[in-house]
Amino acid sequence: MADNEVVIEINGNNLTDFVNGSVDIKFDQFCNSFSFKTTKDLGKEYNIFPEDECKILINGKVALTGIIDTVSPSEDPSESTVDVTGRDKTRDVVDSDLPEAISLSGEFTLETVIQKVLTALQLDGEIQVVNQLGDELRSFTQADIVSAEVDKNAFDFINEYAQKVSAILITNAEGNIVITRAGEEKYVDKLVNILGEGSEDNNIISSSAGYDYSNRYYKYIVYSQSNANTSTQNVSISNVAQKGYAIDDEIRPSRVMVQKANNACSSEVCTEIATLEANIRRANSLKYSCDVYGYETNDGNLWQVNKLIEVYDEDCDIASELLIKGVSFNLGEGAVTTLEFALADAYTLQASLDEVDGRTNKTKTAKKKSGGKKKSDKTMSDAEIDKILGF
């Protein structure tokens, strides 16, 4: 097959006269999407319709397997075209509400939760669940159960469970659900845009960077609830026992964020939670993307999200190992791929904070069920929280 050859299959038949298009894969948006424009003879019918199955192959490799959402034909005196958009097979999980209550009991896993939702939506024979984390994922217990009322959004339901175990849900090229975390696999390729001497090795066509500090603060203060019995009263600043803080010295001192911890903890743990929050917001303040020629890396595979790569871009003052969080294959003339990036630790930091939230919420649930009578149910120990945070 020729380099940079794109094939669009609709209901198993190849579409040969498309003009341009794109396949958009996002690490943090679960459901991937596609679009393309095709031509038709003036005044003639066309045979593309919503709900048609669509598969896009690049250089013989599947880039996306999905369903067509919209078909928009248009005509003018010189040409007739049809604009088509669609998403991968997980669109039904994103769009649908639970048609029936989901029953969970005893010990169960994230895979179990997802499989039950797929069965309820009659997708269990169409969408598979791929667990890349294996035994790293803990099992759930009764204390973890999330309310599953009829009409609750299906993806929101399973994602609540994913967050409890610091997992990220994405979709692969076949439209299956993948349970994963921020990747540690590193490309041997490097992305380079050097000015002056050495520019002959450049492989970045164009790039852009943005730095959004609107969600960053100079001081992050985390207060812990007191160890007093708060089951019958609201927690206020007056009965807070411990606090910790972190400083982001790139931000003006007038910007301050104050949070309450989910449960009682030491001032040291409050400080670590504040530090995680500051680092997450720092990591998410970078917006960087670049265009490269072709659709494949040097190993002959299509570009993929959730992989690390070294980037040296003197135009944008970038010299760092970054995580690929978005891949857009531009299917028009020129065969260009757009890559979007996050700092390498952005999702790892978020996973750490999510795990703390999940465990403290679990403790609160257990306390509520016990009526708050047992002191041991009210709080995690400092050592337990330290272990979660990795300190």
Protein backbone atom coordinates (compact mmCIF):
# COMPACT_ATOMS: atom_id res chain seq x y z
CA MET A 1 0.00 0.00 0.00
CA ALA A 2 1.30 3.45 -0.86
CA ASP A 3 2.56 5.73 1.90
CA ASN A 4 -0.08 7.99 3.46
CA GLU A 5 -2.94 6.19 1.74
CA VAL A 6 -6.34 6.66 3.37
CA VAL A 7 -9.27 4.30 2.89
CA ILE A 8 -12.78 5.08 4.17
CA GLU A 9 -15.08 2.08 4.41
CA ILE A 10 -18.83 2.65 4.73
CA ASN A 11 -20.83 -0.51 5.44
CA GLY A 12 -17.86 -2.46 4.12
CA ASN A 13 -17.63 -0.57 0.80
CA ASN A 14 -14.70 1.72 0.00
CA LEU A 15 -15.37 5.40 -0.58
CA THR A 16 -12.83 6.57 -3.14
CA ASP A 17 -13.80 10.16 -3.92
CA PHE A 18 -13.49 11.93 -0.57
CA VAL A 19 -11.90 15.38 -0.69
CA ASN A 20 -10.58 15.88 2.82
CA GLY A 21 -11.26 14.94 6.41
CA SER A 22 -9.81 14.23 9.82
CA VAL A 23 -9.68 11.59 12.55
CA ASP A 24 -9.49 13.12 16.04
CA ILE A 25 -8.29 11.05 18.98
CA LYS A 26 -8.24 12.62 22.45
CA PHE A 27 -6.82 11.05 25.59
CA ASP A 28 -9.14 13.01 27.89
CA GLN A 29 -12.41 12.88 25.92
CA PHE A 30 -13.12 9.11 25.77
CA CYS A 31 -15.11 9.05 22.51
CA ASN A 32 -13.11 9.75 19.32
CA SER A 33 -14.51 11.44 16.22
CA PHE A 34 -14.10 11.77 12.47
CA SER A 35 -15.29 13.96 9.62
CA PHE A 36 -14.84 14.07 5.87
CA LYS A 37 -16.14 15.73 2.73
CA THR A 38 -16.92 13.74 -0.40
CA THR A 39 -18.18 14.67 -3.86
CA LYS A 40 -21.16 13.47 -5.85
CA ASP A 41 -22.43 14.08 -9.35
CA LEU A 42 -24.62 17.16 -9.71
CA GLY A 43 -28.27 16.31 -9.14
CA LYS A 44 -27.52 12.63 -8.38
CA GLU A 45 -28.35 10.65 -5.26
CA TYR A 46 -25.71 9.62 -2.75
CA ASN A 47 -25.53 6.47 -0.66
CA ILE A 48 -24.21 7.71 2.70
CA PHE A 49 -26.63 7.92 5.62
CA PRO A 50 -26.61 8.46 9.39
CA GLU A 51 -26.17 5.23 11.37
CA ASP A 52 -24.00 3.70 8.64
CA GLU A 53 -20.93 1.90 9.97
CA CYS A 54 -17.67 3.60 9.06
CA LYS A 55 -14.06 2.46 9.35
CA ILE A 56 -11.06 4.62 8.46
CA LEU A 57 -7.76 2.97 7.58
CA ILE A 58 -4.45 4.79 7.14
CA ASN A 59 -1.62 2.91 5.42
CA GLY A 60 -3.56 -0.29 5.95
CA LYS A 61 -3.93 0.25 9.72
CA VAL A 62 -7.28 0.91 11.39
CA ALA A 63 -7.37 4.46 12.78
CA LEU A 64 -11.03 4.51 13.89
CA THR A 65 -14.10 2.27 13.86
CA GLY A 66 -17.37 4.09 14.30
CA ILE A 67 -20.83 5.19 13.23
CA ILE A 68 -21.90 8.14 11.06
CA ASP A 69 -23.84 10.81 12.97
CA THR A 70 -24.59 13.51 10.40
CA VAL A 71 -24.76 13.73 6.61
CA SER A 72 -25.06 17.20 5.04
CA PRO A 73 -25.31 17.38 1.23
CA SER A 74 -24.95 20.72 -0.55
CA GLU A 75 -24.97 21.88 -4.15
CA ASP A 76 -23.98 24.96 -6.11
CA PRO A 77 -23.69 25.49 -9.87
CA SER A 78 -20.17 24.06 -9.98
CA GLU A 79 -20.14 21.12 -7.57
CA SER A 80 -22.06 18.83 -5.24
CA THR A 81 -20.56 17.74 -1.96
CA VAL A 82 -21.55 15.82 1.15
CA ASP A 83 -20.15 16.62 4.61
CA VAL A 84 -20.09 13.66 6.98
CA THR A 85 -19.33 13.50 10.71
CA GLY A 86 -19.34 10.63 13.16
CA ARG A 87 -17.84 9.09 16.26
CA ASP A 88 -16.45 5.75 17.33
CA LYS A 89 -18.66 2.98 18.68
CA THR A 90 -18.54 4.28 22.25
CA ARG A 91 -20.79 7.20 21.23
CA ASP A 92 -23.77 5.18 22.48
CA VAL A 93 -22.19 4.92 25.95
CA VAL A 94 -21.60 8.69 26.00
CA ASP A 95 -25.08 9.60 24.72
CA SER A 96 -27.25 7.02 26.47
CA ASP A 97 -28.83 6.94 29.89
CA LEU A 98 -29.11 3.77 31.94
CA PRO A 99 -32.32 2.02 30.84
CA GLU A 100 -32.48 0.02 34.06
CA ALA A 101 -30.94 0.03 37.54
CA ILE A 102 -27.50 -1.60 37.71
CA SER A 103 -27.23 -4.18 40.50
CA LEU A 104 -23.84 -4.51 42.21
CA SER A 105 -23.02 -6.40 45.41
CA GLY A 106 -20.15 -8.01 47.24
CA GLU A 107 -16.71 -7.46 45.72
CA PHE A 108 -16.65 -6.38 42.08
CA THR A 109 -14.28 -4.72 39.62
CA LEU A 110 -14.32 -1.79 37.22
CA GLU A 111 -14.54 -4.29 34.37
CA THR A 112 -17.67 -5.73 35.97
CA VAL A 113 -19.28 -2.29 36.16
CA ILE A 114 -18.51 -1.48 32.52
CA GLN A 115 -19.70 -4.90 31.33
CA LYS A 116 -23.02 -4.55 33.15
CA VAL A 117 -23.58 -1.15 31.53
CA LEU A 118 -22.73 -2.53 28.07
CA THR A 119 -25.19 -5.38 28.64
CA ALA A 120 -27.91 -2.94 29.72
CA LEU A 121 -27.33 -0.97 26.48
CA GLN A 122 -27.21 -4.17 24.37
CA LEU A 123 -23.60 -3.39 23.41
CA ASP A 124 -21.89 -6.32 25.13
CA GLY A 125 -21.39 -8.18 21.85
CA GLU A 126 -20.17 -5.08 20.01
CA ILE A 127 -17.80 -3.32 22.42
CA GLN A 128 -15.09 -5.14 24.36
CA VAL A 129 -13.35 -4.04 27.58
CA VAL A 130 -9.54 -3.99 27.52
CA ASN A 131 -7.91 -3.75 30.96
CA GLN A 132 -4.32 -2.54 30.55
CA LEU A 133 -3.82 -2.29 34.31
CA GLY A 134 -4.51 -5.89 35.24
CA ASP A 135 -4.18 -6.61 38.96
CA GLU A 136 -3.14 -3.01 39.69
CA LEU A 137 -6.83 -2.17 40.04
CA ARG A 138 -8.31 -2.84 43.45
CA SER A 139 -11.73 -4.42 43.76
CA PHE A 140 -14.75 -2.41 44.92
CA THR A 141 -16.82 -3.14 48.01
CA GLN A 142 -20.27 -2.13 49.20
CA ALA A 143 -18.83 1.17 50.47
CA ASP A 144 -17.89 2.12 46.88
CA ILE A 145 -21.31 1.65 45.33
CA VAL A 146 -22.50 4.60 43.27
CA SER A 147 -26.18 5.33 42.88
CA ALA A 148 -27.40 3.88 39.58
CA GLU A 149 -30.85 5.28 39.06
CA VAL A 150 -32.62 4.72 35.78
CA ASP A 151 -31.90 7.73 33.50
CA LYS A 152 -28.38 8.36 34.86
CA ASN A 153 -25.89 8.92 32.01
CA ALA A 154 -24.09 5.65 31.25
CA PHE A 155 -20.60 7.09 30.82
CA ASP A 156 -20.88 9.31 33.90
CA PHE A 157 -21.82 6.22 35.90
CA ILE A 158 -18.82 4.11 34.85
CA ASN A 159 -16.45 7.07 35.02
CA GLU A 160 -17.32 7.64 38.69
CA TYR A 161 -16.03 4.14 39.38
CA ALA A 162 -12.93 4.72 37.21
CA GLN A 163 -12.05 7.80 39.25
CA LYS A 164 -12.30 5.82 42.47
CA VAL A 165 -9.35 3.68 41.33
CA SER A 166 -7.48 6.48 39.50
CA ALA A 167 -8.13 4.87 36.11
CA ILE A 168 -8.67 6.68 32.82
CA LEU A 169 -11.13 5.38 30.22
CA ILE A 170 -10.23 5.79 26.56
CA THR A 171 -11.24 4.19 23.26
CA ASN A 172 -8.97 2.25 20.91
CA ALA A 173 -9.04 2.08 17.09
CA GLU A 174 -11.57 -0.78 17.13
CA GLY A 175 -14.00 1.22 19.28
CA ASN A 176 -13.39 -0.84 22.42
CA ILE A 177 -13.14 0.61 25.93
CA VAL A 178 -9.63 0.66 27.38
CA ILE A 179 -8.91 0.97 31.11
CA THR A 180 -5.56 2.71 31.52
CA ARG A 181 -3.51 5.37 33.29
CA ALA A 182 -1.13 8.04 32.05
CA GLY A 183 1.43 6.29 29.87
CA GLU A 184 5.08 5.70 30.68
CA GLU A 185 6.05 4.33 27.26
CA LYS A 186 8.39 6.68 25.42
CA TYR A 187 8.83 7.17 21.68
CA VAL A 188 12.41 6.93 20.44
CA ASP A 189 11.50 9.67 17.97
CA LYS A 190 12.15 13.30 18.87
CA LEU A 191 10.19 16.32 17.66
CA VAL A 192 12.56 19.11 16.66
CA ASN A 193 12.28 22.73 15.58
CA ILE A 194 15.73 24.29 15.92
CA LEU A 195 16.59 27.75 14.67
CA GLY A 196 19.86 28.22 12.81
CA GLU A 197 22.50 25.49 12.93
CA GLY A 198 20.97 22.01 13.09
CA SER A 199 17.69 23.06 11.49
CA GLU A 200 18.20 20.47 8.75
CA ASP A 201 16.96 17.87 11.27
CA ASN A 202 13.69 19.70 11.95
CA ASN A 203 10.53 17.59 11.64
CA ILE A 204 8.02 20.07 13.09
CA ILE A 205 6.17 21.90 10.32
CA SER A 206 4.47 24.45 12.53
CA SER A 207 3.63 24.82 16.21
CA SER A 208 1.79 26.96 18.73
CA ALA A 209 1.99 27.36 22.48
CA GLY A 210 -0.21 29.00 25.04
CA TYR A 211 0.15 29.52 28.75
CA ASP A 212 -3.17 29.85 30.58
CA TYR A 213 -2.58 30.88 34.19
CA SER A 214 -6.21 31.78 34.93
CA ASN A 215 -6.71 28.59 37.00
CA ARG A 216 -3.45 28.91 38.94
CA TYR A 217 -2.99 30.51 42.36
CA TYR A 218 -0.07 31.75 44.41
CA LYS A 219 -1.14 30.09 47.66
CA TYR A 220 -3.16 26.87 48.07
CA ILE A 221 -4.50 26.35 51.59
CA VAL A 222 -6.06 23.03 52.63
CA TYR A 223 -7.95 22.82 55.92
CA SER A 224 -8.78 19.53 57.60
CA GLN A 225 -12.05 18.93 59.35
CA SER A 226 -11.64 18.53 63.07
CA ASN A 227 -11.82 15.16 64.77
CA ALA A 228 -14.89 16.28 66.73
CA ASN A 229 -18.21 14.62 65.94
CA THR A 230 -19.56 16.62 63.00
CA SER A 231 -22.42 14.32 62.04
CA THR A 232 -25.01 16.73 63.43
CA GLN A 233 -23.42 20.08 62.65
CA ASN A 234 -21.92 21.90 59.72
CA VAL A 235 -18.14 22.11 59.52
CA SER A 236 -16.91 25.69 59.69
CA ILE A 237 -13.56 27.44 59.89
CA SER A 238 -14.00 27.72 63.66
CA ASN A 239 -13.83 23.96 64.22
CA VAL A 240 -11.04 23.19 61.76
CA ALA A 241 -8.09 21.49 63.41
CA GLN A 242 -5.25 21.27 60.88
CA LYS A 243 -4.08 23.05 57.75
CA GLY A 244 -1.31 23.01 55.18
CA TYR A 245 -0.36 25.09 52.20
CA ALA A 246 1.68 25.19 48.99
CA ILE A 247 3.14 28.12 47.06
CA ASP A 248 3.31 28.64 43.28
CA ASP A 249 5.82 31.48 43.06
CA GLU A 250 5.11 32.16 39.37
CA ILE A 251 1.75 33.65 40.37
CA ARG A 252 0.93 36.98 42.05
CA PRO A 253 0.56 36.74 45.88
CA SER A 254 -2.96 38.17 45.72
CA ARG A 255 -4.34 34.91 44.25
CA VAL A 256 -5.37 32.45 46.98
CA MET A 257 -7.38 29.20 46.90
CA VAL A 258 -8.81 27.62 50.06
CA GLN A 259 -10.11 24.05 50.21
CA LYS A 260 -11.48 21.75 52.90
CA ALA A 261 -10.12 18.21 52.97
CA ASN A 262 -12.71 15.47 52.63
CA ASN A 263 -11.80 14.07 56.01
CA ALA A 264 -9.70 14.67 59.09
CA CYS A 265 -5.96 14.51 58.44
CA SER A 266 -2.69 15.94 59.69
CA SER A 267 -1.20 19.28 58.70
CA GLU A 268 1.52 17.37 56.83
CA VAL A 269 -1.05 15.57 54.68
CA CYS A 270 -2.93 18.86 54.13
CA THR A 271 0.34 20.27 52.80
CA GLU A 272 0.80 17.35 50.41
CA ILE A 273 -2.77 17.67 49.11
CA ALA A 274 -2.19 21.39 48.55
CA THR A 275 1.04 20.61 46.69
CA LEU A 276 -0.72 18.10 44.42
CA GLU A 277 -3.43 20.64 43.62
CA ALA A 278 -0.83 23.30 42.77
CA ASN A 279 1.11 20.90 40.54
CA ILE A 280 -1.99 19.73 38.67
CA ARG A 281 -2.96 23.31 37.87
CA ARG A 282 0.60 24.10 36.83
CA ALA A 283 0.68 21.07 34.53
CA ASN A 284 -2.63 22.00 32.92
CA SER A 285 -1.56 25.59 32.24
CA LEU A 286 0.54 24.58 29.22
CA LYS A 287 -1.22 24.42 25.84
CA TYR A 288 1.13 23.20 23.11
CA SER A 289 0.55 21.57 19.72
CA CYS A 290 2.51 20.99 16.54
CA ASP A 291 2.07 19.65 13.01
CA VAL A 292 4.28 16.92 11.53
CA TYR A 293 4.43 15.35 8.08
CA GLY A 294 2.85 11.94 7.60
CA TYR A 295 0.76 9.74 9.86
CA GLU A 296 3.36 7.39 11.29
CA THR A 297 6.32 7.40 13.64
CA ASN A 298 9.68 5.94 12.65
CA ASP A 299 8.60 2.50 13.90
CA GLY A 300 5.94 2.37 11.18
CA ASN A 301 2.94 2.67 13.49
CA LEU A 302 0.33 5.42 13.51
CA TRP A 303 0.84 8.21 16.03
CA GLN A 304 -0.85 7.33 19.33
CA VAL A 305 -2.08 9.23 22.37
CA ASN A 306 -0.80 8.51 25.89
CA LYS A 307 2.85 8.20 24.91
CA LEU A 308 5.82 10.31 25.92
CA ILE A 309 8.14 12.05 23.48
CA GLU A 310 10.96 14.58 23.73
CA VAL A 311 10.16 17.95 22.15
CA TYR A 312 12.71 20.66 21.29
CA ASP A 313 10.96 23.68 19.84
CA GLU A 314 12.95 26.91 20.00
CA ASP A 315 10.11 28.95 18.48
CA CYS A 316 7.84 28.10 21.42
CA ASP A 317 10.59 27.79 24.04
CA ILE A 318 9.79 24.12 24.67
CA ALA A 319 12.50 21.66 25.72
CA SER A 320 10.83 18.86 27.63
CA GLU A 321 9.48 15.34 27.61
CA LEU A 322 5.75 15.73 26.98
CA LEU A 323 2.72 13.42 26.94
CA ILE A 324 0.74 13.20 23.70
CA LYS A 325 -2.89 13.85 24.67
CA GLY A 326 -4.39 14.43 21.21
CA VAL A 327 -3.75 13.10 17.69
CA SER A 328 -5.54 14.50 14.64
CA PHE A 329 -4.90 12.83 11.30
CA ASN A 330 -5.62 15.43 8.61
CA LEU A 331 -6.81 13.38 5.66
CA GLY A 332 -6.50 15.99 2.95
CA GLU A 333 -3.67 16.82 0.63
CA GLY A 334 -0.28 16.88 2.33
CA ALA A 335 -0.79 14.07 4.89
CA VAL A 336 -0.26 16.05 8.10
CA THR A 337 -0.77 14.96 11.72
CA THR A 338 -1.49 17.47 14.50
CA LEU A 339 -0.25 16.50 17.96
CA GLU A 340 -1.46 18.05 21.23
CA PHE A 341 0.53 17.77 24.44
CA ALA A 342 0.35 17.89 28.22
CA LEU A 343 3.17 17.95 30.73
CA ALA A 344 4.34 14.41 31.39
CA ASP A 345 3.04 14.29 34.97
CA ALA A 346 -0.31 16.04 34.47
CA TYR A 347 -2.56 12.96 34.58
CA THR A 348 -0.40 11.16 37.14
CA LEU A 349 -0.88 14.03 39.56
CA GLN A 350 -4.63 14.08 38.94
CA ALA A 351 -4.81 10.32 39.54
CA SER A 352 -3.08 10.75 42.90
CA LEU A 353 -5.54 13.43 43.96
CA ASP A 354 -8.52 11.40 42.71
CA GLU A 355 -7.38 8.43 44.75
CA VAL A 356 -7.25 10.52 47.93
CA ASP A 357 -10.76 11.84 47.21
CA GLY A 358 -12.03 8.34 46.52
CA ARG A 359 -10.67 6.90 49.74
CA THR A 360 -11.88 9.77 51.92
CA ASN A 361 -15.34 9.62 50.34
CA LYS A 362 -15.41 5.90 51.05
CA THR A 363 -14.65 6.62 54.71
CA LYS A 364 -17.45 9.22 54.86
CA THR A 365 -19.91 6.70 53.40
CA ALA A 366 -18.95 4.08 55.97
CA LYS A 367 -19.32 6.61 58.78
CA LYS A 368 -22.78 7.63 57.57
CA LYS A 369 -23.97 4.03 57.48
CA SER A 370 -22.69 3.39 61.01
CA GLY A 371 -24.42 6.48 62.37
CA GLY A 372 -21.11 8.00 63.37
CA LYS A 373 -20.92 5.92 66.54
CA LYS A 374 -17.55 4.33 66.00
CA LYS A 375 -14.67 6.73 66.23
CA SER A 376 -12.51 4.48 64.05
CA ASP A 377 -14.93 4.97 61.14
CA LYS A 378 -14.62 8.75 61.10
CA THR A 379 -11.18 9.18 59.59
CA MET A 380 -8.31 7.55 57.78
CA SER A 381 -5.05 7.44 59.64
CA ASP A 382 -2.26 9.78 58.59
CA ALA A 383 -0.16 6.77 57.63
CA GLU A 384 -2.91 5.49 55.31
CA ILE A 385 -3.25 8.83 53.51
CA ASP A 386 0.55 9.13 53.27
CA LYS A 387 0.63 5.69 51.65
CA ILE A 388 -2.00 6.73 49.07
CA LEU A 389 -0.01 9.83 48.20
CA GLY A 390 3.20 7.84 47.87
CA PHE A 391 5.16 9.64 50.60
